[in-house]
Amino acid sequence: KFDEHIMIVFLTGYAEFVFDGYSVGALDYIIKPATAQKLME
């Protein structure tokens, strides 16, 4: 509502939640626990 520029990456333990992220302009999602490889990419 006040910031359209900040990049948002969702953290979740359940993959089914990730599709909702596109409605708020999420950049990506990461399934917990985050791996070094995923974060590097």
Full PDB file with SEQRES, HELIX, SHEET, SSBOND, CRYST1, ORIGX, SCALE, CONECT and MASTER records, all heavy atoms in Angstrom:
SEQRES   1 A   41  LYS PHE ASP GLU HIS ILE MET ILE VAL PHE LEU THR GLY          
SEQRES   2 A   41  TYR ALA GLU PHE VAL PHE ASP GLY TYR SER VAL GLY ALA          
SEQRES   3 A   41  LEU ASP TYR ILE ILE LYS PRO ALA THR ALA GLN LYS LEU          
SEQRES   4 A   41  MET GLU                                                      
HELIX    1 AA1 ALA A   15  VAL A   24  5                                  10    
HELIX    2 AA2 ALA A   36  MET A   40  1                                   5    
SHEET    1 AA1 2 VAL A   9  THR A  12  0                                        
SHEET    2 AA1 2 ASP A  28  ILE A  31  1                                        
CRYST1    1.000    1.000    1.000  90.00  90.00  90.00 P 1           1          
ORIGX1      1.000000  0.000000  0.000000        0.00000                         
ORIGX2      0.000000  1.000000  0.000000        0.00000                         
ORIGX3      0.000000  0.000000  1.000000        0.00000                         
SCALE1      1.000000  0.000000  0.000000        0.00000                         
SCALE2      0.000000  1.000000  0.000000        0.00000                         
SCALE3      0.000000  0.000000  1.000000        0.00000                         
ATOM      1  N   LYS A   1       0.818  -1.211   0.000  1.00  0.00           N  
ATOM      2  CA  LYS A   1       0.000   0.000   0.000  1.00  0.00           C  
ATOM      3  C   LYS A   1       0.857   1.270   0.000  1.00  0.00           C  
ATOM      4  O   LYS A   1       0.418   2.314  -0.468  1.00  0.00           O  
ATOM      5  CB  LYS A   1      -0.933   0.014   1.224  1.00  0.00           C  
ATOM      6  CG  LYS A   1      -2.030  -1.038   1.179  1.00  0.00           C  
ATOM      7  CD  LYS A   1      -2.879  -0.984   2.437  1.00  0.00           C  
ATOM      8  CE  LYS A   1      -3.967  -2.052   2.426  1.00  0.00           C  
ATOM      9  NZ  LYS A   1      -4.785  -2.023   3.682  1.00  0.00           N  
ATOM     10  N   PHE A   2       2.083   1.156   0.530  1.00  0.00           N  
ATOM     11  CA  PHE A   2       2.947   2.339   0.578  1.00  0.00           C  
ATOM     12  C   PHE A   2       4.316   2.127  -0.069  1.00  0.00           C  
ATOM     13  O   PHE A   2       5.087   3.073  -0.217  1.00  0.00           O  
ATOM     14  CB  PHE A   2       3.140   2.809   2.036  1.00  0.00           C  
ATOM     15  CG  PHE A   2       3.714   1.762   2.960  1.00  0.00           C  
ATOM     16  CD1 PHE A   2       5.084   1.556   3.027  1.00  0.00           C  
ATOM     17  CD2 PHE A   2       2.889   1.000   3.771  1.00  0.00           C  
ATOM     18  CE1 PHE A   2       5.614   0.595   3.878  1.00  0.00           C  
ATOM     19  CE2 PHE A   2       3.408   0.040   4.623  1.00  0.00           C  
ATOM     20  CZ  PHE A   2       4.780  -0.166   4.671  1.00  0.00           C  
ATOM     21  N   ASP A   3       4.620   0.908  -0.465  1.00  0.00           N  
ATOM     22  CA  ASP A   3       5.921   0.641  -1.084  1.00  0.00           C  
ATOM     23  C   ASP A   3       5.781  -0.429  -2.163  1.00  0.00           C  
ATOM     24  O   ASP A   3       5.588  -1.602  -1.871  1.00  0.00           O  
ATOM     25  CB  ASP A   3       6.928   0.163  -0.024  1.00  0.00           C  
ATOM     26  CG  ASP A   3       8.356   0.112  -0.550  1.00  0.00           C  
ATOM     27  OD1 ASP A   3       8.535   0.040  -1.789  1.00  0.00           O  
ATOM     28  OD2 ASP A   3       9.286   0.137   0.264  1.00  0.00           O  
ATOM     29  N   GLU A   4       5.863   0.004  -3.413  1.00  0.00           N  
ATOM     30  CA  GLU A   4       5.743  -0.949  -4.526  1.00  0.00           C  
ATOM     31  C   GLU A   4       7.096  -1.424  -5.025  1.00  0.00           C  
ATOM     32  O   GLU A   4       7.170  -2.255  -5.935  1.00  0.00           O  
ATOM     33  CB  GLU A   4       4.972  -0.304  -5.686  1.00  0.00           C  
ATOM     34  CG  GLU A   4       5.657   0.927  -6.269  1.00  0.00           C  
ATOM     35  CD  GLU A   4       4.838   1.612  -7.342  1.00  0.00           C  
ATOM     36  OE1 GLU A   4       3.616   1.743  -7.171  1.00  0.00           O  
ATOM     37  OE2 GLU A   4       5.429   2.015  -8.354  1.00  0.00           O  
ATOM     38  N   HIS A   5       8.169  -0.905  -4.432  1.00  0.00           N  
ATOM     39  CA  HIS A   5       9.511  -1.178  -4.958  1.00  0.00           C  
ATOM     40  C   HIS A   5      10.295  -2.226  -4.168  1.00  0.00           C  
ATOM     41  O   HIS A   5      11.145  -2.917  -4.743  1.00  0.00           O  
ATOM     42  CB  HIS A   5      10.331   0.117  -4.999  1.00  0.00           C  
ATOM     43  CG  HIS A   5       9.689   1.192  -5.814  1.00  0.00           C  
ATOM     44  ND1 HIS A   5       9.625   1.151  -7.180  1.00  0.00           N  
ATOM     45  CD2 HIS A   5       9.054   2.342  -5.437  1.00  0.00           C  
ATOM     46  CE1 HIS A   5       8.994   2.217  -7.633  1.00  0.00           C  
ATOM     47  NE2 HIS A   5       8.643   2.946  -6.596  1.00  0.00           N  
ATOM     48  N   ILE A   6      10.045  -2.346  -2.874  1.00  0.00           N  
ATOM     49  CA  ILE A   6      10.828  -3.282  -2.081  1.00  0.00           C  
ATOM     50  C   ILE A   6      10.658  -4.699  -2.638  1.00  0.00           C  
ATOM     51  O   ILE A   6       9.547  -5.124  -2.986  1.00  0.00           O  
ATOM     52  CB  ILE A   6      10.412  -3.229  -0.589  1.00  0.00           C  
ATOM     53  CG1 ILE A   6      11.382  -4.056   0.271  1.00  0.00           C  
ATOM     54  CG2 ILE A   6       8.977  -3.657  -0.394  1.00  0.00           C  
ATOM     55  CD1 ILE A   6      11.156  -3.876   1.763  1.00  0.00           C  
ATOM     56  N   MET A   7      11.748  -5.431  -2.760  1.00  0.00           N  
ATOM     57  CA  MET A   7      11.693  -6.812  -3.247  1.00  0.00           C  
ATOM     58  C   MET A   7      11.313  -7.729  -2.082  1.00  0.00           C  
ATOM     59  O   MET A   7      11.931  -7.662  -1.016  1.00  0.00           O  
ATOM     60  CB  MET A   7      13.050  -7.214  -3.837  1.00  0.00           C  
ATOM     61  CG  MET A   7      13.414  -6.460  -5.106  1.00  0.00           C  
ATOM     62  SD  MET A   7      15.064  -6.874  -5.737  1.00  0.00           S  
ATOM     63  CE  MET A   7      16.110  -5.905  -4.612  1.00  0.00           C  
ATOM     64  N   ILE A   8      10.309  -8.566  -2.314  1.00  0.00           N  
ATOM     65  CA  ILE A   8       9.821  -9.482  -1.283  1.00  0.00           C  
ATOM     66  C   ILE A   8      10.071 -10.922  -1.708  1.00  0.00           C  
ATOM     67  O   ILE A   8       9.711 -11.313  -2.825  1.00  0.00           O  
ATOM     68  CB  ILE A   8       8.324  -9.267  -1.015  1.00  0.00           C  
ATOM     69  CG1 ILE A   8       8.069  -7.865  -0.432  1.00  0.00           C  
ATOM     70  CG2 ILE A   8       7.792 -10.334  -0.054  1.00  0.00           C  
ATOM     71  CD1 ILE A   8       6.594  -7.538  -0.251  1.00  0.00           C  
ATOM     72  N   VAL A   9      10.695 -11.683  -0.825  1.00  0.00           N  
ATOM     73  CA  VAL A   9      10.888 -13.117  -1.038  1.00  0.00           C  
ATOM     74  C   VAL A   9      10.215 -13.835   0.118  1.00  0.00           C  
ATOM     75  O   VAL A   9      10.544 -13.602   1.287  1.00  0.00           O  
ATOM     76  CB  VAL A   9      12.391 -13.489  -1.098  1.00  0.00           C  
ATOM     77  CG1 VAL A   9      12.556 -15.008  -1.151  1.00  0.00           C  
ATOM     78  CG2 VAL A   9      13.040 -12.845  -2.317  1.00  0.00           C  
ATOM     79  N   PHE A  10       9.257 -14.690  -0.188  1.00  0.00           N  
ATOM     80  CA  PHE A  10       8.528 -15.397   0.854  1.00  0.00           C  
ATOM     81  C   PHE A  10       9.302 -16.627   1.342  1.00  0.00           C  
ATOM     82  O   PHE A  10       9.974 -17.313   0.557  1.00  0.00           O  
ATOM     83  CB  PHE A  10       7.158 -15.847   0.349  1.00  0.00           C  
ATOM     84  CG  PHE A  10       6.145 -14.755   0.333  1.00  0.00           C  
ATOM     85  CD1 PHE A  10       5.559 -14.352  -0.856  1.00  0.00           C  
ATOM     86  CD2 PHE A  10       5.761 -14.128   1.505  1.00  0.00           C  
ATOM     87  CE1 PHE A  10       4.617 -13.344  -0.871  1.00  0.00           C  
ATOM     88  CE2 PHE A  10       4.825 -13.106   1.501  1.00  0.00           C  
ATOM     89  CZ  PHE A  10       4.244 -12.720   0.310  1.00  0.00           C  
ATOM     90  N   LEU A  11       9.177 -16.867   2.634  1.00  0.00           N  
ATOM     91  CA  LEU A  11       9.713 -18.077   3.259  1.00  0.00           C  
ATOM     92  C   LEU A  11       8.527 -18.932   3.675  1.00  0.00           C  
ATOM     93  O   LEU A  11       7.571 -18.423   4.272  1.00  0.00           O  
ATOM     94  CB  LEU A  11      10.532 -17.708   4.503  1.00  0.00           C  
ATOM     95  CG  LEU A  11      11.648 -16.683   4.308  1.00  0.00           C  
ATOM     96  CD1 LEU A  11      12.143 -16.187   5.669  1.00  0.00           C  
ATOM     97  CD2 LEU A  11      12.797 -17.301   3.527  1.00  0.00           C  
ATOM     98  N   THR A  12       8.556 -20.206   3.362  1.00  0.00           N  
ATOM     99  CA  THR A  12       7.427 -21.054   3.711  1.00  0.00           C  
ATOM    100  C   THR A  12       7.858 -22.508   3.841  1.00  0.00           C  
ATOM    101  O   THR A  12       8.847 -22.934   3.247  1.00  0.00           O  
ATOM    102  CB  THR A  12       6.303 -20.957   2.651  1.00  0.00           C  
ATOM    103  OG1 THR A  12       5.233 -21.821   3.006  1.00  0.00           O  
ATOM    104  CG2 THR A  12       6.823 -21.347   1.268  1.00  0.00           C  
ATOM    105  N   GLY A  13       7.110 -23.235   4.622  1.00  0.00           N  
ATOM    106  CA  GLY A  13       7.367 -24.658   4.740  1.00  0.00           C  
ATOM    107  C   GLY A  13       6.442 -25.469   3.845  1.00  0.00           C  
ATOM    108  O   GLY A  13       6.540 -26.695   3.783  1.00  0.00           O  
ATOM    109  N   TYR A  14       5.535 -24.766   3.125  1.00  0.00           N  
ATOM    110  CA  TYR A  14       4.527 -25.465   2.323  1.00  0.00           C  
ATOM    111  C   TYR A  14       4.438 -24.838   0.933  1.00  0.00           C  
ATOM    112  O   TYR A  14       4.073 -23.671   0.783  1.00  0.00           O  
ATOM    113  CB  TYR A  14       3.160 -25.389   2.994  1.00  0.00           C  
ATOM    114  CG  TYR A  14       3.183 -25.893   4.427  1.00  0.00           C  
ATOM    115  CD1 TYR A  14       3.342 -25.000   5.485  1.00  0.00           C  
ATOM    116  CD2 TYR A  14       3.073 -27.261   4.711  1.00  0.00           C  
ATOM    117  CE1 TYR A  14       3.378 -25.449   6.798  1.00  0.00           C  
ATOM    118  CE2 TYR A  14       3.117 -27.707   6.022  1.00  0.00           C  
ATOM    119  CZ  TYR A  14       3.267 -26.807   7.051  1.00  0.00           C  
ATOM    120  OH  TYR A  14       3.318 -27.247   8.350  1.00  0.00           O  
ATOM    121  N   ALA A  15       4.738 -25.618  -0.075  1.00  0.00           N  
ATOM    122  CA  ALA A  15       4.802 -25.106  -1.444  1.00  0.00           C  
ATOM    123  C   ALA A  15       3.469 -24.570  -1.949  1.00  0.00           C  
ATOM    124  O   ALA A  15       3.437 -23.695  -2.811  1.00  0.00           O  
ATOM    125  CB  ALA A  15       5.311 -26.205  -2.383  1.00  0.00           C  
ATOM    126  N   GLU A  16       2.335 -25.060  -1.402  1.00  0.00           N  
ATOM    127  CA  GLU A  16       1.039 -24.648  -1.925  1.00  0.00           C  
ATOM    128  C   GLU A  16       0.737 -23.173  -1.676  1.00  0.00           C  
ATOM    129  O   GLU A  16      -0.157 -22.596  -2.291  1.00  0.00           O  
ATOM    130  CB  GLU A  16      -0.093 -25.505  -1.332  1.00  0.00           C  
ATOM    131  CG  GLU A  16      -0.218 -25.447   0.181  1.00  0.00           C  
ATOM    132  CD  GLU A  16       0.508 -26.606   0.855  1.00  0.00           C  
ATOM    133  OE1 GLU A  16       1.492 -27.106   0.280  1.00  0.00           O  
ATOM    134  OE2 GLU A  16       0.099 -26.987   1.958  1.00  0.00           O  
ATOM    135  N   PHE A  17       1.464 -22.529  -0.755  1.00  0.00           N  
ATOM    136  CA  PHE A  17       1.219 -21.118  -0.467  1.00  0.00           C  
ATOM    137  C   PHE A  17       1.836 -20.179  -1.505  1.00  0.00           C  
ATOM    138  O   PHE A  17       1.463 -19.014  -1.584  1.00  0.00           O  
ATOM    139  CB  PHE A  17       1.786 -20.733   0.913  1.00  0.00           C  
ATOM    140  CG  PHE A  17       0.984 -21.264   2.065  1.00  0.00           C  
ATOM    141  CD1 PHE A  17       1.519 -22.216   2.916  1.00  0.00           C  
ATOM    142  CD2 PHE A  17      -0.299 -20.807   2.309  1.00  0.00           C  
ATOM    143  CE1 PHE A  17       0.794 -22.706   3.990  1.00  0.00           C  
ATOM    144  CE2 PHE A  17      -1.037 -21.285   3.384  1.00  0.00           C  
ATOM    145  CZ  PHE A  17      -0.490 -22.239   4.224  1.00  0.00           C  
ATOM    146  N   VAL A  18       2.789 -20.671  -2.277  1.00  0.00           N  
ATOM    147  CA  VAL A  18       3.623 -19.766  -3.056  1.00  0.00           C  
ATOM    148  C   VAL A  18       2.866 -19.055  -4.159  1.00  0.00           C  
ATOM    149  O   VAL A  18       3.232 -17.937  -4.541  1.00  0.00           O  
ATOM    150  CB  VAL A  18       4.834 -20.514  -3.665  1.00  0.00           C  
ATOM    151  CG1 VAL A  18       5.639 -21.195  -2.577  1.00  0.00           C  
ATOM    152  CG2 VAL A  18       4.396 -21.527  -4.711  1.00  0.00           C  
ATOM    153  N   PHE A  19       1.788 -19.641  -4.698  1.00  0.00           N  
ATOM    154  CA  PHE A  19       1.099 -19.024  -5.820  1.00  0.00           C  
ATOM    155  C   PHE A  19       0.417 -17.715  -5.426  1.00  0.00           C  
ATOM    156  O   PHE A  19       0.221 -16.834  -6.251  1.00  0.00           O  
ATOM    157  CB  PHE A  19       0.092 -20.004  -6.411  1.00  0.00           C  
ATOM    158  CG  PHE A  19       0.750 -21.243  -6.968  1.00  0.00           C  
ATOM    159  CD1 PHE A  19       0.684 -22.447  -6.283  1.00  0.00           C  
ATOM    160  CD2 PHE A  19       1.458 -21.188  -8.157  1.00  0.00           C  
ATOM    161  CE1 PHE A  19       1.303 -23.578  -6.776  1.00  0.00           C  
ATOM    162  CE2 PHE A  19       2.091 -22.319  -8.657  1.00  0.00           C  
ATOM    163  CZ  PHE A  19       2.015 -23.519  -7.969  1.00  0.00           C  
ATOM    164  N   ASP A  20       0.046 -17.596  -4.168  1.00  0.00           N  
ATOM    165  CA  ASP A  20      -0.564 -16.345  -3.700  1.00  0.00           C  
ATOM    166  C   ASP A  20       0.416 -15.181  -3.752  1.00  0.00           C  
ATOM    167  O   ASP A  20       0.009 -14.020  -3.776  1.00  0.00           O  
ATOM    168  CB  ASP A  20      -1.083 -16.506  -2.269  1.00  0.00           C  
ATOM    169  CG  ASP A  20      -2.230 -17.505  -2.178  1.00  0.00           C  
ATOM    170  OD1 ASP A  20      -2.922 -17.684  -3.189  1.00  0.00           O  
ATOM    171  OD2 ASP A  20      -2.397 -18.097  -1.105  1.00  0.00           O  
ATOM    172  N   GLY A  21       1.694 -15.477  -3.773  1.00  0.00           N  
ATOM    173  CA  GLY A  21       2.705 -14.424  -3.734  1.00  0.00           C  
ATOM    174  C   GLY A  21       2.702 -13.508  -4.934  1.00  0.00           C  
ATOM    175  O   GLY A  21       3.099 -12.338  -4.846  1.00  0.00           O  
ATOM    176  N   TYR A  22       2.225 -13.990  -6.072  1.00  0.00           N  
ATOM    177  CA  TYR A  22       2.226 -13.169  -7.278  1.00  0.00           C  
ATOM    178  C   TYR A  22       1.261 -11.999  -7.172  1.00  0.00           C  
ATOM    179  O   TYR A  22       1.437 -10.977  -7.832  1.00  0.00           O  
ATOM    180  CB  TYR A  22       1.898 -14.030  -8.494  1.00  0.00           C  
ATOM    181  CG  TYR A  22       2.935 -15.103  -8.737  1.00  0.00           C  
ATOM    182  CD1 TYR A  22       2.662 -16.442  -8.479  1.00  0.00           C  
ATOM    183  CD2 TYR A  22       4.214 -14.762  -9.200  1.00  0.00           C  
ATOM    184  CE1 TYR A  22       3.630 -17.425  -8.684  1.00  0.00           C  
ATOM    185  CE2 TYR A  22       5.176 -15.740  -9.407  1.00  0.00           C  
ATOM    186  CZ  TYR A  22       4.877 -17.063  -9.143  1.00  0.00           C  
ATOM    187  OH  TYR A  22       5.837 -18.031  -9.333  1.00  0.00           O  
ATOM    188  N   SER A  23       0.246 -12.124  -6.346  1.00  0.00           N  
ATOM    189  CA  SER A  23      -0.726 -11.044  -6.201  1.00  0.00           C  
ATOM    190  C   SER A  23      -0.143  -9.833  -5.489  1.00  0.00           C  
ATOM    191  O   SER A  23      -0.703  -8.738  -5.572  1.00  0.00           O  
ATOM    192  CB  SER A  23      -1.964 -11.538  -5.438  1.00  0.00           C  
ATOM    193  OG  SER A  23      -1.629 -11.867  -4.102  1.00  0.00           O  
ATOM    194  N   VAL A  24       0.955 -10.014  -4.787  1.00  0.00           N  
ATOM    195  CA  VAL A  24       1.599  -8.896  -4.089  1.00  0.00           C  
ATOM    196  C   VAL A  24       2.972  -8.601  -4.684  1.00  0.00           C  
ATOM    197  O   VAL A  24       3.793  -7.925  -4.075  1.00  0.00           O  
ATOM    198  CB  VAL A  24       1.721  -9.175  -2.571  1.00  0.00           C  
ATOM    199  CG1 VAL A  24       0.356  -9.165  -1.919  1.00  0.00           C  
ATOM    200  CG2 VAL A  24       2.434 -10.501  -2.307  1.00  0.00           C  
ATOM    201  N   GLY A  25       3.217  -9.100  -5.882  1.00  0.00           N  
ATOM    202  CA  GLY A  25       4.470  -8.796  -6.566  1.00  0.00           C  
ATOM    203  C   GLY A  25       5.692  -9.396  -5.913  1.00  0.00           C  
ATOM    204  O   GLY A  25       6.761  -8.782  -5.913  1.00  0.00           O  
ATOM    205  N   ALA A  26       5.549 -10.598  -5.358  1.00  0.00           N  
ATOM    206  CA  ALA A  26       6.712 -11.246  -4.734  1.00  0.00           C  
ATOM    207  C   ALA A  26       7.729 -11.617  -5.806  1.00  0.00           C  
ATOM    208  O   ALA A  26       7.377 -12.044  -6.908  1.00  0.00           O  
ATOM    209  CB  ALA A  26       6.272 -12.487  -3.976  1.00  0.00           C  
ATOM    210  N   LEU A  27       8.997 -11.466  -5.477  1.00  0.00           N  
ATOM    211  CA  LEU A  27      10.066 -11.793  -6.411  1.00  0.00           C  
ATOM    212  C   LEU A  27      10.273 -13.299  -6.517  1.00  0.00           C  
ATOM    213  O   LEU A  27      10.535 -13.833  -7.595  1.00  0.00           O  
ATOM    214  CB  LEU A  27      11.369 -11.118  -5.963  1.00  0.00           C  
ATOM    215  CG  LEU A  27      12.599 -11.344  -6.832  1.00  0.00           C  
ATOM    216  CD1 LEU A  27      12.433 -10.658  -8.185  1.00  0.00           C  
ATOM    217  CD2 LEU A  27      13.847 -10.805  -6.131  1.00  0.00           C  
ATOM    218  N   ASP A  28      10.150 -13.997  -5.386  1.00  0.00           N  
ATOM    219  CA  ASP A  28      10.408 -15.436  -5.373  1.00  0.00           C  
ATOM    220  C   ASP A  28       9.930 -15.992  -4.041  1.00  0.00           C  
ATOM    221  O   ASP A  28       9.419 -15.258  -3.182  1.00  0.00           O  
ATOM    222  CB  ASP A  28      11.902 -15.705  -5.538  1.00  0.00           C  
ATOM    223  CG  ASP A  28      12.207 -17.079  -6.138  1.00  0.00           C  
ATOM    224  OD1 ASP A  28      11.305 -17.949  -6.110  1.00  0.00           O  
ATOM    225  OD2 ASP A  28      13.333 -17.284  -6.607  1.00  0.00           O  
ATOM    226  N   TYR A  29      10.103 -17.295  -3.868  1.00  0.00           N  
ATOM    227  CA  TYR A  29       9.820 -17.931  -2.591  1.00  0.00           C  
ATOM    228  C   TYR A  29      10.899 -18.953  -2.291  1.00  0.00           C  
ATOM    229  O   TYR A  29      11.576 -19.448  -3.197  1.00  0.00           O  
ATOM    230  CB  TYR A  29       8.446 -18.614  -2.619  1.00  0.00           C  
ATOM    231  CG  TYR A  29       8.400 -19.846  -3.499  1.00  0.00           C  
ATOM    232  CD1 TYR A  29       8.642 -21.109  -2.970  1.00  0.00           C  
ATOM    233  CD2 TYR A  29       8.129 -19.740  -4.855  1.00  0.00           C  
ATOM    234  CE1 TYR A  29       8.617 -22.236  -3.777  1.00  0.00           C  
ATOM    235  CE2 TYR A  29       8.099 -20.863  -5.670  1.00  0.00           C  
ATOM    236  CZ  TYR A  29       8.341 -22.106  -5.125  1.00  0.00           C  
ATOM    237  OH  TYR A  29       8.317 -23.222  -5.923  1.00  0.00           O  
ATOM    238  N   ILE A  30      11.084 -19.233  -1.040  1.00  0.00           N  
ATOM    239  CA  ILE A  30      12.070 -20.220  -0.610  1.00  0.00           C  
ATOM    240  C   ILE A  30      11.400 -21.185   0.359  1.00  0.00           C  
ATOM    241  O   ILE A  30      10.735 -20.768   1.310  1.00  0.00           O  
ATOM    242  CB  ILE A  30      13.273 -19.536   0.083  1.00  0.00           C  
ATOM    243  CG1 ILE A  30      14.088 -18.748  -0.950  1.00  0.00           C  
ATOM    244  CG2 ILE A  30      14.159 -20.563   0.783  1.00  0.00           C  
ATOM    245  CD1 ILE A  30      15.252 -17.985  -0.343  1.00  0.00           C  
ATOM    246  N   ILE A  31      11.556 -22.465   0.081  1.00  0.00           N  
ATOM    247  CA  ILE A  31      11.047 -23.480   0.996  1.00  0.00           C  
ATOM    248  C   ILE A  31      12.048 -23.649   2.139  1.00  0.00           C  
ATOM    249  O   ILE A  31      13.249 -23.800   1.914  1.00  0.00           O  
ATOM    250  CB  ILE A  31      10.858 -24.828   0.270  1.00  0.00           C  
ATOM    251  CG1 ILE A  31       9.851 -24.662  -0.893  1.00  0.00           C  
ATOM    252  CG2 ILE A  31      10.380 -25.893   1.240  1.00  0.00           C  
ATOM    253  CD1 ILE A  31       8.455 -24.324  -0.465  1.00  0.00           C  
ATOM    254  N   LYS A  32      11.558 -23.551   3.368  1.00  0.00           N  
ATOM    255  CA  LYS A  32      12.429 -23.718   4.536  1.00  0.00           C  
ATOM    256  C   LYS A  32      12.885 -25.172   4.669  1.00  0.00           C  
ATOM    257  O   LYS A  32      12.116 -26.089   4.351  1.00  0.00           O  
ATOM    258  CB  LYS A  32      11.684 -23.309   5.817  1.00  0.00           C  
ATOM    259  CG  LYS A  32      11.350 -21.847   5.920  1.00  0.00           C  
ATOM    260  CD  LYS A  32      10.636 -21.624   7.248  1.00  0.00           C  
ATOM    261  CE  LYS A  32      10.312 -20.178   7.507  1.00  0.00           C  
ATOM    262  NZ  LYS A  32       9.639 -19.973   8.793  1.00  0.00           N  
ATOM    263  N   PRO A  33      14.104 -25.388   5.164  1.00  0.00           N  
ATOM    264  CA  PRO A  33      15.134 -24.380   5.443  1.00  0.00           C  
ATOM    265  C   PRO A  33      15.838 -23.946   4.164  1.00  0.00           C  
ATOM    266  O   PRO A  33      16.031 -24.752   3.239  1.00  0.00           O  
ATOM    267  CB  PRO A  33      16.090 -25.124   6.381  1.00  0.00           C  
ATOM    268  CG  PRO A  33      15.983 -26.556   5.954  1.00  0.00           C  
ATOM    269  CD  PRO A  33      14.557 -26.764   5.534  1.00  0.00           C  
ATOM    270  N   ALA A  34      16.221 -22.688   4.100  1.00  0.00           N  
ATOM    271  CA  ALA A  34      16.892 -22.154   2.914  1.00  0.00           C  
ATOM    272  C   ALA A  34      18.278 -22.778   2.759  1.00  0.00           C  
ATOM    273  O   ALA A  34      19.031 -22.887   3.720  1.00  0.00           O  
ATOM    274  CB  ALA A  34      17.021 -20.643   3.035  1.00  0.00           C  
ATOM    275  N   THR A  35      18.591 -23.199   1.548  1.00  0.00           N  
ATOM    276  CA  THR A  35      19.916 -23.762   1.290  1.00  0.00           C  
ATOM    277  C   THR A  35      20.835 -22.687   0.742  1.00  0.00           C  
ATOM    278  O   THR A  35      20.379 -21.698   0.143  1.00  0.00           O  
ATOM    279  CB  THR A  35      19.834 -24.904   0.268  1.00  0.00           C  
ATOM    280  OG1 THR A  35      19.393 -24.376  -1.008  1.00  0.00           O  
ATOM    281  CG2 THR A  35      18.865 -25.979   0.735  1.00  0.00           C  
ATOM    282  N   ALA A  36      22.124 -22.879   0.915  1.00  0.00           N  
ATOM    283  CA  ALA A  36      23.106 -21.926   0.411  1.00  0.00           C  
ATOM    284  C   ALA A  36      22.995 -21.794  -1.103  1.00  0.00           C  
ATOM    285  O   ALA A  36      23.102 -20.690  -1.653  1.00  0.00           O  
ATOM    286  CB  ALA A  36      24.513 -22.360   0.819  1.00  0.00           C  
ATOM    287  N   GLN A  37      22.761 -22.905  -1.798  1.00  0.00           N  
ATOM    288  CA  GLN A  37      22.660 -22.883  -3.252  1.00  0.00           C  
ATOM    289  C   GLN A  37      21.476 -22.048  -3.720  1.00  0.00           C  
ATOM    290  O   GLN A  37      21.588 -21.231  -4.643  1.00  0.00           O  
ATOM    291  CB  GLN A  37      22.538 -24.317  -3.791  1.00  0.00           C  
ATOM    292  CG  GLN A  37      22.477 -24.415  -5.312  1.00  0.00           C  
ATOM    293  CD  GLN A  37      23.735 -23.893  -5.980  1.00  0.00           C  
ATOM    294  OE1 GLN A  37      24.833 -24.030  -5.437  1.00  0.00           O  
ATOM    295  NE2 GLN A  37      23.571 -23.278  -7.151  1.00  0.00           N  
ATOM    296  N   LYS A  38      20.317 -22.236  -3.083  1.00  0.00           N  
ATOM    297  CA  LYS A  38      19.129 -21.471  -3.446  1.00  0.00           C  
ATOM    298  C   LYS A  38      19.354 -19.977  -3.211  1.00  0.00           C  
ATOM    299  O   LYS A  38      18.973 -19.136  -4.050  1.00  0.00           O  
ATOM    300  CB  LYS A  38      17.933 -21.955  -2.635  1.00  0.00           C  
ATOM    301  CG  LYS A  38      16.648 -21.163  -2.850  1.00  0.00           C  
ATOM    302  CD  LYS A  38      16.124 -21.280  -4.252  1.00  0.00           C  
ATOM    303  CE  LYS A  38      14.791 -20.552  -4.399  1.00  0.00           C  
ATOM    304  NZ  LYS A  38      14.250 -20.596  -5.772  1.00  0.00           N  
ATOM    305  N   LEU A  39      19.986 -19.630  -2.097  1.00  0.00           N  
ATOM    306  CA  LEU A  39      20.239 -18.225  -1.794  1.00  0.00           C  
ATOM    307  C   LEU A  39      21.245 -17.621  -2.766  1.00  0.00           C  
ATOM    308  O   LEU A  39      21.107 -16.460  -3.171  1.00  0.00           O  
ATOM    309  CB  LEU A  39      20.731 -18.075  -0.352  1.00  0.00           C  
ATOM    310  CG  LEU A  39      19.679 -18.359   0.727  1.00  0.00           C  
ATOM    311  CD1 LEU A  39      20.319 -18.347   2.109  1.00  0.00           C  
ATOM    312  CD2 LEU A  39      18.541 -17.337   0.664  1.00  0.00           C  
ATOM    313  N   MET A  40      22.250 -18.377  -3.160  1.00  0.00           N  
ATOM    314  CA  MET A  40      23.227 -17.894  -4.129  1.00  0.00           C  
ATOM    315  C   MET A  40      22.559 -17.591  -5.465  1.00  0.00           C  
ATOM    316  O   MET A  40      22.819 -16.554  -6.086  1.00  0.00           O  
ATOM    317  CB  MET A  40      24.342 -18.922  -4.312  1.00  0.00           C  
ATOM    318  CG  MET A  40      25.316 -19.007  -3.145  1.00  0.00           C  
ATOM    319  SD  MET A  40      26.556 -20.320  -3.357  1.00  0.00           S  
ATOM    320  CE  MET A  40      27.424 -19.706  -4.811  1.00  0.00           C  
ATOM    321  N   GLU A  41      21.682 -18.477  -5.911  1.00  0.00           N  
ATOM    322  CA  GLU A  41      20.964 -18.265  -7.165  1.00  0.00           C  
ATOM    323  C   GLU A  41      20.050 -17.049  -7.077  1.00  0.00           C  
ATOM    324  O   GLU A  41      19.982 -16.230  -8.004  1.00  0.00           O  
ATOM    325  CB  GLU A  41      20.146 -19.515  -7.508  1.00  0.00           C  
ATOM    326  CG  GLU A  41      20.995 -20.741  -7.832  1.00  0.00           C  
ATOM    327  CD  GLU A  41      20.170 -22.010  -7.942  1.00  0.00           C  
ATOM    328  OE1 GLU A  41      18.935 -21.930  -7.729  1.00  0.00           O  
ATOM    329  OE2 GLU A  41      20.746 -23.071  -8.248  1.00  0.00           O  
TER     330      GLU A  41                                                      
MASTER        0    0    0    2    2    0    0    6  329    1    0    4          
END                                                                             
